[in-house]
Amino acid sequence: MEIRIETEMQFPMATFVMGYGEMAQIQRGSMVYRTGGVQLNTRLNAKGQGIGKIAASIGRSIVSNESMFITEVVCQEQEGHICIAPSVPGTIVQLDVGAAQYRVNDSCFLAMDGTVAYTLQRQSVGRALFGGQGGFFVMTTEGQGRMLVNAFGSIKTIQLNNAQGFTIDNAHVVAWDRNLEYDISLQGGLMESIGTGEGVVNVFRGTGRVLVQSLNLQNFAGQLARFIPQK
């Protein structure tokens, strides 16, 4: 299977070039177009069987911003194509999952292939209360293959080398290496957070990569809200 990220356009799309019998999973509603032999199936977004799988899917939708469904793509022709795009204008980046595993913030997952999957890993109470990114759970990858993540705006990769307290605004964090230690808190406490307008931040420690997006979707929504008539 080949994944082509079309970066020559202002807002990129990604095309999966698939052989017969190959499968991938994509974010619900992300398809732009597909060839005739590519089939889309709706699957519950959880592992397991029967009632347990249904309960797990419902639980994911309650405790995070995820849908309880995910779209499975199956190729039933010699060479099939499916093109996908994120729901916000920005950038698409491929993560190679296997030797490196990642944590991914809400709304940043776009697609995955191979044996890549993700689970919801429980966070501490402090992280859950301040994070706003999955609440008591954070998306954590497992398996091997490729995952596409999307950002609002551009993506920058920051390499941390034995960092002891690297601070990033929570709304700008897209994904990070699973081996990095992290805490989520208010910037400098309540009063300083209100004064600086920085709000919730992630503090990382250790060695690994963090992907950040250039734009803040929460701030952008706040700017738009000023022009929307209220009842």
C-alpha atoms as a PDB file:
ATOM      1  CA  MET A   1       0.000   0.000   0.000  1.00  0.00           C
ATOM      2  CA  GLU A   2       1.258   3.464  -0.899  1.00  0.00           C
ATOM      3  CA  ILE A   3       0.232   6.684   0.833  1.00  0.00           C
ATOM      4  CA  ARG A   4       0.648   9.884  -1.146  1.00  0.00           C
ATOM      5  CA  ILE A   5       0.334  13.154   0.779  1.00  0.00           C
ATOM      6  CA  GLU A   6      -0.304  15.851  -1.814  1.00  0.00           C
ATOM      7  CA  THR A   7       1.681  18.726  -0.321  1.00  0.00           C
ATOM      8  CA  GLU A   8       1.811  20.869  -3.478  1.00  0.00           C
ATOM      9  CA  MET A   9      -1.655  22.265  -2.722  1.00  0.00           C
ATOM     10  CA  GLN A  10      -2.351  24.854  -0.040  1.00  0.00           C
ATOM     11  CA  PHE A  11      -4.512  22.464   1.982  1.00  0.00           C
ATOM     12  CA  PRO A  12      -3.245  18.909   1.386  1.00  0.00           C
ATOM     13  CA  MET A  13      -5.139  15.700   0.825  1.00  0.00           C
ATOM     14  CA  ALA A  14      -3.848  12.130   1.205  1.00  0.00           C
ATOM     15  CA  THR A  15      -4.391   9.312  -1.298  1.00  0.00           C
ATOM     16  CA  PHE A  16      -4.157   5.616  -0.411  1.00  0.00           C
ATOM     17  CA  VAL A  17      -3.078   3.469  -3.399  1.00  0.00           C
ATOM     18  CA  MET A  18      -4.208  -0.032  -2.402  1.00  0.00           C
ATOM     19  CA  GLY A  19      -3.805  -3.541  -3.775  1.00  0.00           C
ATOM     20  CA  TYR A  20      -6.440  -6.259  -3.751  1.00  0.00           C
ATOM     21  CA  GLY A  21      -7.436  -7.269  -0.212  1.00  0.00           C
ATOM     22  CA  GLU A  22      -5.573  -4.440   1.525  1.00  0.00           C
ATOM     23  CA  MET A  23      -7.335  -2.528   4.301  1.00  0.00           C
ATOM     24  CA  ALA A  24      -7.001   0.775   6.120  1.00  0.00           C
ATOM     25  CA  GLN A  25      -9.037   2.755   8.617  1.00  0.00           C
ATOM     26  CA  ILE A  26      -9.931   6.409   8.185  1.00  0.00           C
ATOM     27  CA  GLN A  27     -11.614   9.106  10.211  1.00  0.00           C
ATOM     28  CA  ARG A  28     -15.380   9.043   9.782  1.00  0.00           C
ATOM     29  CA  GLY A  29     -16.483  11.508   7.068  1.00  0.00           C
ATOM     30  CA  SER A  30     -12.959  12.164   5.719  1.00  0.00           C
ATOM     31  CA  MET A  31     -13.358  10.645   2.214  1.00  0.00           C
ATOM     32  CA  VAL A  32     -13.022  12.993  -0.773  1.00  0.00           C
ATOM     33  CA  TYR A  33     -13.292  10.389  -3.567  1.00  0.00           C
ATOM     34  CA  ARG A  34     -12.621   6.691  -4.279  1.00  0.00           C
ATOM     35  CA  THR A  35     -12.436   4.313  -7.230  1.00  0.00           C
ATOM     36  CA  GLY A  36     -15.191   1.780  -7.893  1.00  0.00           C
ATOM     37  CA  GLY A  37     -13.520  -1.246  -6.330  1.00  0.00           C
ATOM     38  CA  VAL A  38     -12.837   0.423  -2.979  1.00  0.00           C
ATOM     39  CA  GLN A  39     -15.467  -0.396  -0.370  1.00  0.00           C
ATOM     40  CA  LEU A  40     -16.251   1.499   2.844  1.00  0.00           C
ATOM     41  CA  ASN A  41     -17.563  -0.311   5.899  1.00  0.00           C
ATOM     42  CA  THR A  42     -18.654   1.089   9.248  1.00  0.00           C
ATOM     43  CA  ARG A  43     -17.085  -0.580  12.270  1.00  0.00           C
ATOM     44  CA  LEU A  44     -17.478  -0.055  15.997  1.00  0.00           C
ATOM     45  CA  ASN A  45     -14.470   1.870  17.261  1.00  0.00           C
ATOM     46  CA  ALA A  46     -13.286  -0.673  19.842  1.00  0.00           C
ATOM     47  CA  LYS A  47     -11.753  -4.106  20.272  1.00  0.00           C
ATOM     48  CA  GLY A  48     -13.482  -7.246  21.452  1.00  0.00           C
ATOM     49  CA  GLN A  49     -16.654  -9.063  20.516  1.00  0.00           C
ATOM     50  CA  GLY A  50     -20.404  -8.836  21.079  1.00  0.00           C
ATOM     51  CA  ILE A  51     -21.853  -6.759  23.920  1.00  0.00           C
ATOM     52  CA  GLY A  52     -18.408  -5.970  25.291  1.00  0.00           C
ATOM     53  CA  LYS A  53     -17.376  -4.321  22.038  1.00  0.00           C
ATOM     54  CA  ILE A  54     -20.586  -2.269  21.892  1.00  0.00           C
ATOM     55  CA  ALA A  55     -20.114  -1.141  25.497  1.00  0.00           C
ATOM     56  CA  ALA A  56     -16.490  -0.190  24.822  1.00  0.00           C
ATOM     57  CA  SER A  57     -17.494   1.848  21.743  1.00  0.00           C
ATOM     58  CA  ILE A  58     -20.177   3.712  23.686  1.00  0.00           C
ATOM     59  CA  GLY A  59     -17.711   4.297  26.505  1.00  0.00           C
ATOM     60  CA  ARG A  60     -15.173   5.833  24.110  1.00  0.00           C
ATOM     61  CA  SER A  61     -17.762   8.267  22.778  1.00  0.00           C
ATOM     62  CA  ILE A  62     -18.793   9.282  26.312  1.00  0.00           C
ATOM     63  CA  VAL A  63     -15.348   9.849  27.809  1.00  0.00           C
ATOM     64  CA  SER A  64     -13.744  11.476  24.728  1.00  0.00           C
ATOM     65  CA  ASN A  65     -14.620  13.432  21.591  1.00  0.00           C
ATOM     66  CA  GLU A  66     -14.336  10.294  19.426  1.00  0.00           C
ATOM     67  CA  SER A  67     -17.178   8.768  17.461  1.00  0.00           C
ATOM     68  CA  MET A  68     -18.219   5.265  18.479  1.00  0.00           C
ATOM     69  CA  PHE A  69     -17.722   4.315  14.800  1.00  0.00           C
ATOM     70  CA  ILE A  70     -14.720   4.243  12.466  1.00  0.00           C
ATOM     71  CA  THR A  71     -14.628   3.722   8.676  1.00  0.00           C
ATOM     72  CA  GLU A  72     -12.836   0.637   7.358  1.00  0.00           C
ATOM     73  CA  VAL A  73     -11.553   0.812   3.759  1.00  0.00           C
ATOM     74  CA  VAL A  74     -11.212  -2.448   1.794  1.00  0.00           C
ATOM     75  CA  CYS A  75      -9.782  -2.707  -1.728  1.00  0.00           C
ATOM     76  CA  GLN A  76     -11.562  -5.238  -3.980  1.00  0.00           C
ATOM     77  CA  GLU A  77      -9.784  -4.437  -7.248  1.00  0.00           C
ATOM     78  CA  GLN A  78      -6.230  -4.868  -8.508  1.00  0.00           C
ATOM     79  CA  GLU A  79      -5.389  -1.230  -7.756  1.00  0.00           C
ATOM     80  CA  GLY A  80      -7.775   1.021  -5.879  1.00  0.00           C
ATOM     81  CA  HIS A  81      -7.529   4.651  -4.794  1.00  0.00           C
ATOM     82  CA  ILE A  82      -9.185   6.547  -1.963  1.00  0.00           C
ATOM     83  CA  CYS A  83      -8.495  10.208  -1.243  1.00  0.00           C
ATOM     84  CA  ILE A  84      -9.131  11.704   2.191  1.00  0.00           C
ATOM     85  CA  ALA A  85      -8.872  15.150   3.759  1.00  0.00           C
ATOM     86  CA  PRO A  86      -9.106  16.507   7.314  1.00  0.00           C
ATOM     87  CA  SER A  87     -12.086  18.493   8.578  1.00  0.00           C
ATOM     88  CA  VAL A  88     -10.011  21.633   9.259  1.00  0.00           C
ATOM     89  CA  PRO A  89      -7.647  23.529   6.925  1.00  0.00           C
ATOM     90  CA  GLY A  90      -4.070  22.639   7.714  1.00  0.00           C
ATOM     91  CA  THR A  91      -1.394  19.989   7.338  1.00  0.00           C
ATOM     92  CA  ILE A  92      -1.139  16.194   7.177  1.00  0.00           C
ATOM     93  CA  VAL A  93       1.873  14.315   8.603  1.00  0.00           C
ATOM     94  CA  GLN A  94       2.694  10.598   8.528  1.00  0.00           C
ATOM     95  CA  LEU A  95       3.829   8.904  11.751  1.00  0.00           C
ATOM     96  CA  ASP A  96       5.725   5.610  11.421  1.00  0.00           C
ATOM     97  CA  VAL A  97       4.385   3.500  14.279  1.00  0.00           C
ATOM     98  CA  GLY A  98       6.292   0.495  15.589  1.00  0.00           C
ATOM     99  CA  ALA A  99       9.681   1.230  17.077  1.00  0.00           C
ATOM    100  CA  ALA A 100       8.132   4.554  18.127  1.00  0.00           C
ATOM    101  CA  GLN A 101       4.675   4.808  19.676  1.00  0.00           C
ATOM    102  CA  TYR A 102       2.727   8.017  20.168  1.00  0.00           C
ATOM    103  CA  ARG A 103       0.034   9.788  22.104  1.00  0.00           C
ATOM    104  CA  VAL A 104      -2.361  11.804  19.927  1.00  0.00           C
ATOM    105  CA  ASN A 105      -4.669  14.649  20.910  1.00  0.00           C
ATOM    106  CA  ASP A 106      -8.371  14.689  20.083  1.00  0.00           C
ATOM    107  CA  SER A 107      -9.398  15.608  16.513  1.00  0.00           C
ATOM    108  CA  CYS A 108      -5.865  14.983  15.165  1.00  0.00           C
ATOM    109  CA  PHE A 109      -6.276  11.368  14.004  1.00  0.00           C
ATOM    110  CA  LEU A 110      -6.954  11.011  10.247  1.00  0.00           C
ATOM    111  CA  ALA A 111      -6.083   7.457   9.091  1.00  0.00           C
ATOM    112  CA  MET A 112      -3.996   4.336   9.742  1.00  0.00           C
ATOM    113  CA  ASP A 113      -2.898   1.156   7.980  1.00  0.00           C
ATOM    114  CA  GLY A 114      -1.156  -2.109   8.809  1.00  0.00           C
ATOM    115  CA  THR A 115      -1.702  -3.377  12.328  1.00  0.00           C
ATOM    116  CA  VAL A 116      -1.756   0.119  13.826  1.00  0.00           C
ATOM    117  CA  ALA A 117      -4.503   0.702  16.352  1.00  0.00           C
ATOM    118  CA  TYR A 118      -5.059   3.038  19.245  1.00  0.00           C
ATOM    119  CA  THR A 119      -6.380   2.663  22.724  1.00  0.00           C
ATOM    120  CA  LEU A 120      -7.641   5.156  25.272  1.00  0.00           C
ATOM    121  CA  GLN A 121      -5.167   5.214  28.143  1.00  0.00           C
ATOM    122  CA  ARG A 122      -6.354   6.504  31.503  1.00  0.00           C
ATOM    123  CA  GLN A 123      -4.905   9.840  32.654  1.00  0.00           C
ATOM    124  CA  SER A 124      -4.466  11.149  36.179  1.00  0.00           C
ATOM    125  CA  VAL A 125      -7.264  13.257  37.652  1.00  0.00           C
ATOM    126  CA  GLY A 126      -5.170  16.435  37.333  1.00  0.00           C
ATOM    127  CA  ARG A 127      -4.495  15.858  33.637  1.00  0.00           C
ATOM    128  CA  ALA A 128      -8.131  15.030  33.002  1.00  0.00           C
ATOM    129  CA  LEU A 129      -9.480  18.169  34.695  1.00  0.00           C
ATOM    130  CA  PHE A 130      -7.100  20.546  32.925  1.00  0.00           C
ATOM    131  CA  GLY A 131      -6.477  18.812  29.606  1.00  0.00           C
ATOM    132  CA  GLY A 132      -9.661  19.173  27.614  1.00  0.00           C
ATOM    133  CA  GLN A 133      -8.119  16.592  25.261  1.00  0.00           C
ATOM    134  CA  GLY A 134      -9.946  13.345  25.882  1.00  0.00           C
ATOM    135  CA  GLY A 135     -10.761  14.051  29.530  1.00  0.00           C
ATOM    136  CA  PHE A 136      -9.751  11.071  31.673  1.00  0.00           C
ATOM    137  CA  PHE A 137      -8.248   9.284  28.652  1.00  0.00           C
ATOM    138  CA  VAL A 138      -5.640  10.027  25.971  1.00  0.00           C
ATOM    139  CA  MET A 139      -5.319   8.294  22.581  1.00  0.00           C
ATOM    140  CA  THR A 140      -2.248   5.996  22.560  1.00  0.00           C
ATOM    141  CA  THR A 141      -0.984   4.053  19.536  1.00  0.00           C
ATOM    142  CA  GLU A 142      -0.014   0.383  19.396  1.00  0.00           C
ATOM    143  CA  GLY A 143       0.960  -2.106  16.686  1.00  0.00           C
ATOM    144  CA  GLN A 144       2.991  -1.390  13.562  1.00  0.00           C
ATOM    145  CA  GLY A 145       2.337   0.585  10.384  1.00  0.00           C
ATOM    146  CA  ARG A 146       1.563   4.170   9.440  1.00  0.00           C
ATOM    147  CA  MET A 147      -0.760   6.717  10.984  1.00  0.00           C
ATOM    148  CA  LEU A 148      -1.762  10.046   9.460  1.00  0.00           C
ATOM    149  CA  VAL A 149      -2.427  12.967  11.786  1.00  0.00           C
ATOM    150  CA  ASN A 150      -3.744  16.374  10.801  1.00  0.00           C
ATOM    151  CA  ALA A 151      -3.269  19.827  12.261  1.00  0.00           C
ATOM    152  CA  PHE A 152      -5.023  23.176  12.150  1.00  0.00           C
ATOM    153  CA  GLY A 153      -2.438  25.259  10.283  1.00  0.00           C
ATOM    154  CA  SER A 154       1.173  24.106   9.883  1.00  0.00           C
ATOM    155  CA  ILE A 155       2.978  21.371  11.834  1.00  0.00           C
ATOM    156  CA  LYS A 156       6.389  21.746  13.439  1.00  0.00           C
ATOM    157  CA  THR A 157       8.335  18.836  14.979  1.00  0.00           C
ATOM    158  CA  ILE A 158      10.274  19.673  18.148  1.00  0.00           C
ATOM    159  CA  GLN A 159      13.035  17.297  19.214  1.00  0.00           C
ATOM    160  CA  LEU A 160      13.519  17.234  22.993  1.00  0.00           C
ATOM    161  CA  ASN A 161      16.808  15.937  24.396  1.00  0.00           C
ATOM    162  CA  ASN A 162      16.633  15.155  28.101  1.00  0.00           C
ATOM    163  CA  ALA A 163      14.252  18.079  28.604  1.00  0.00           C
ATOM    164  CA  GLN A 164      13.432  18.923  32.214  1.00  0.00           C
ATOM    165  CA  GLY A 165      10.361  21.074  31.692  1.00  0.00           C
ATOM    166  CA  PHE A 166       9.504  22.057  28.099  1.00  0.00           C
ATOM    167  CA  THR A 167       6.170  23.919  28.104  1.00  0.00           C
ATOM    168  CA  ILE A 168       3.725  23.942  25.161  1.00  0.00           C
ATOM    169  CA  ASP A 169       0.224  25.384  25.007  1.00  0.00           C
ATOM    170  CA  ASN A 170      -2.146  22.422  25.231  1.00  0.00           C
ATOM    171  CA  ALA A 171      -4.272  23.540  22.251  1.00  0.00           C
ATOM    172  CA  HIS A 172      -1.182  23.512  19.986  1.00  0.00           C
ATOM    173  CA  VAL A 173      -0.079  19.949  20.798  1.00  0.00           C
ATOM    174  CA  VAL A 174      -0.861  17.398  18.054  1.00  0.00           C
ATOM    175  CA  ALA A 175       1.080  14.275  19.106  1.00  0.00           C
ATOM    176  CA  TRP A 176       4.123  13.236  21.122  1.00  0.00           C
ATOM    177  CA  ASP A 177       6.384  10.229  21.699  1.00  0.00           C
ATOM    178  CA  ARG A 178       4.844   7.865  24.230  1.00  0.00           C
ATOM    179  CA  ASN A 179       8.082   7.625  26.239  1.00  0.00           C
ATOM    180  CA  LEU A 180       7.976  11.336  27.108  1.00  0.00           C
ATOM    181  CA  GLU A 181       6.715  12.182  30.590  1.00  0.00           C
ATOM    182  CA  TYR A 182       4.095  14.929  30.616  1.00  0.00           C
ATOM    183  CA  ASP A 183       1.898  16.959  32.947  1.00  0.00           C
ATOM    184  CA  ILE A 184      -1.057  19.211  32.140  1.00  0.00           C
ATOM    185  CA  SER A 185      -1.754  22.286  34.253  1.00  0.00           C
ATOM    186  CA  LEU A 186      -2.705  25.950  34.229  1.00  0.00           C
ATOM    187  CA  GLN A 187       0.095  28.256  33.122  1.00  0.00           C
ATOM    188  CA  GLY A 188       1.657  29.603  36.323  1.00  0.00           C
ATOM    189  CA  GLY A 189      -1.529  29.143  38.340  1.00  0.00           C
ATOM    190  CA  LEU A 190      -5.013  30.617  38.001  1.00  0.00           C
ATOM    191  CA  MET A 191      -4.208  34.350  38.210  1.00  0.00           C
ATOM    192  CA  GLU A 192      -1.205  34.220  35.885  1.00  0.00           C
ATOM    193  CA  SER A 193      -3.192  32.085  33.446  1.00  0.00           C
ATOM    194  CA  ILE A 194      -5.939  34.707  33.329  1.00  0.00           C
ATOM    195  CA  GLY A 195      -3.423  37.542  32.977  1.00  0.00           C
ATOM    196  CA  THR A 196      -1.338  36.011  30.187  1.00  0.00           C
ATOM    197  CA  GLY A 197      -4.272  34.374  28.391  1.00  0.00           C
ATOM    198  CA  GLU A 198      -2.218  31.201  27.948  1.00  0.00           C
ATOM    199  CA  GLY A 199      -4.585  28.871  29.814  1.00  0.00           C
ATOM    200  CA  VAL A 200      -3.735  25.145  29.918  1.00  0.00           C
ATOM    201  CA  VAL A 201      -0.210  23.964  29.063  1.00  0.00           C
ATOM    202  CA  ASN A 202       1.602  20.636  28.627  1.00  0.00           C
ATOM    203  CA  VAL A 203       4.971  20.275  30.357  1.00  0.00           C
ATOM    204  CA  PHE A 204       7.202  17.576  28.820  1.00  0.00           C
ATOM    205  CA  ARG A 205      10.264  15.847  30.275  1.00  0.00           C
ATOM    206  CA  GLY A 206      12.684  13.382  28.702  1.00  0.00           C
ATOM    207  CA  THR A 207      13.882  12.649  25.167  1.00  0.00           C
ATOM    208  CA  GLY A 208      11.529  12.418  22.201  1.00  0.00           C
ATOM    209  CA  ARG A 209       9.508  14.347  19.647  1.00  0.00           C
ATOM    210  CA  VAL A 210       6.502  16.623  20.013  1.00  0.00           C
ATOM    211  CA  LEU A 211       4.404  17.736  17.015  1.00  0.00           C
ATOM    212  CA  VAL A 212       2.767  21.135  17.400  1.00  0.00           C
ATOM    213  CA  GLN A 213       0.290  23.017  15.198  1.00  0.00           C
ATOM    214  CA  SER A 214       0.674  26.692  14.390  1.00  0.00           C
ATOM    215  CA  LEU A 215      -2.988  27.641  14.937  1.00  0.00           C
ATOM    216  CA  ASN A 216      -5.254  27.328  17.960  1.00  0.00           C
ATOM    217  CA  LEU A 217      -8.710  26.062  17.018  1.00  0.00           C
ATOM    218  CA  GLN A 218     -10.230  27.191  20.328  1.00  0.00           C
ATOM    219  CA  ASN A 219      -9.000  30.762  19.853  1.00  0.00           C
ATOM    220  CA  PHE A 220     -10.168  30.764  16.236  1.00  0.00           C
ATOM    221  CA  ALA A 221     -13.639  29.604  17.277  1.00  0.00           C
ATOM    222  CA  GLY A 222     -13.701  32.383  19.871  1.00  0.00           C
ATOM    223  CA  GLN A 223     -12.897  34.988  17.220  1.00  0.00           C
ATOM    224  CA  LEU A 224     -15.697  33.703  14.984  1.00  0.00           C
ATOM    225  CA  ALA A 225     -18.169  33.645  17.874  1.00  0.00           C
ATOM    226  CA  ARG A 226     -17.991  37.438  18.142  1.00  0.00           C
ATOM    227  CA  PHE A 227     -19.615  37.731  14.724  1.00  0.00           C
ATOM    228  CA  ILE A 228     -22.352  35.128  15.230  1.00  0.00           C
ATOM    229  CA  PRO A 229     -25.676  36.654  16.383  1.00  0.00           C
ATOM    230  CA  GLN A 230     -26.828  35.358  19.738  1.00  0.00           C
ATOM    231  CA  LYS A 231     -30.462  34.859  20.722  1.00  0.00           C
END
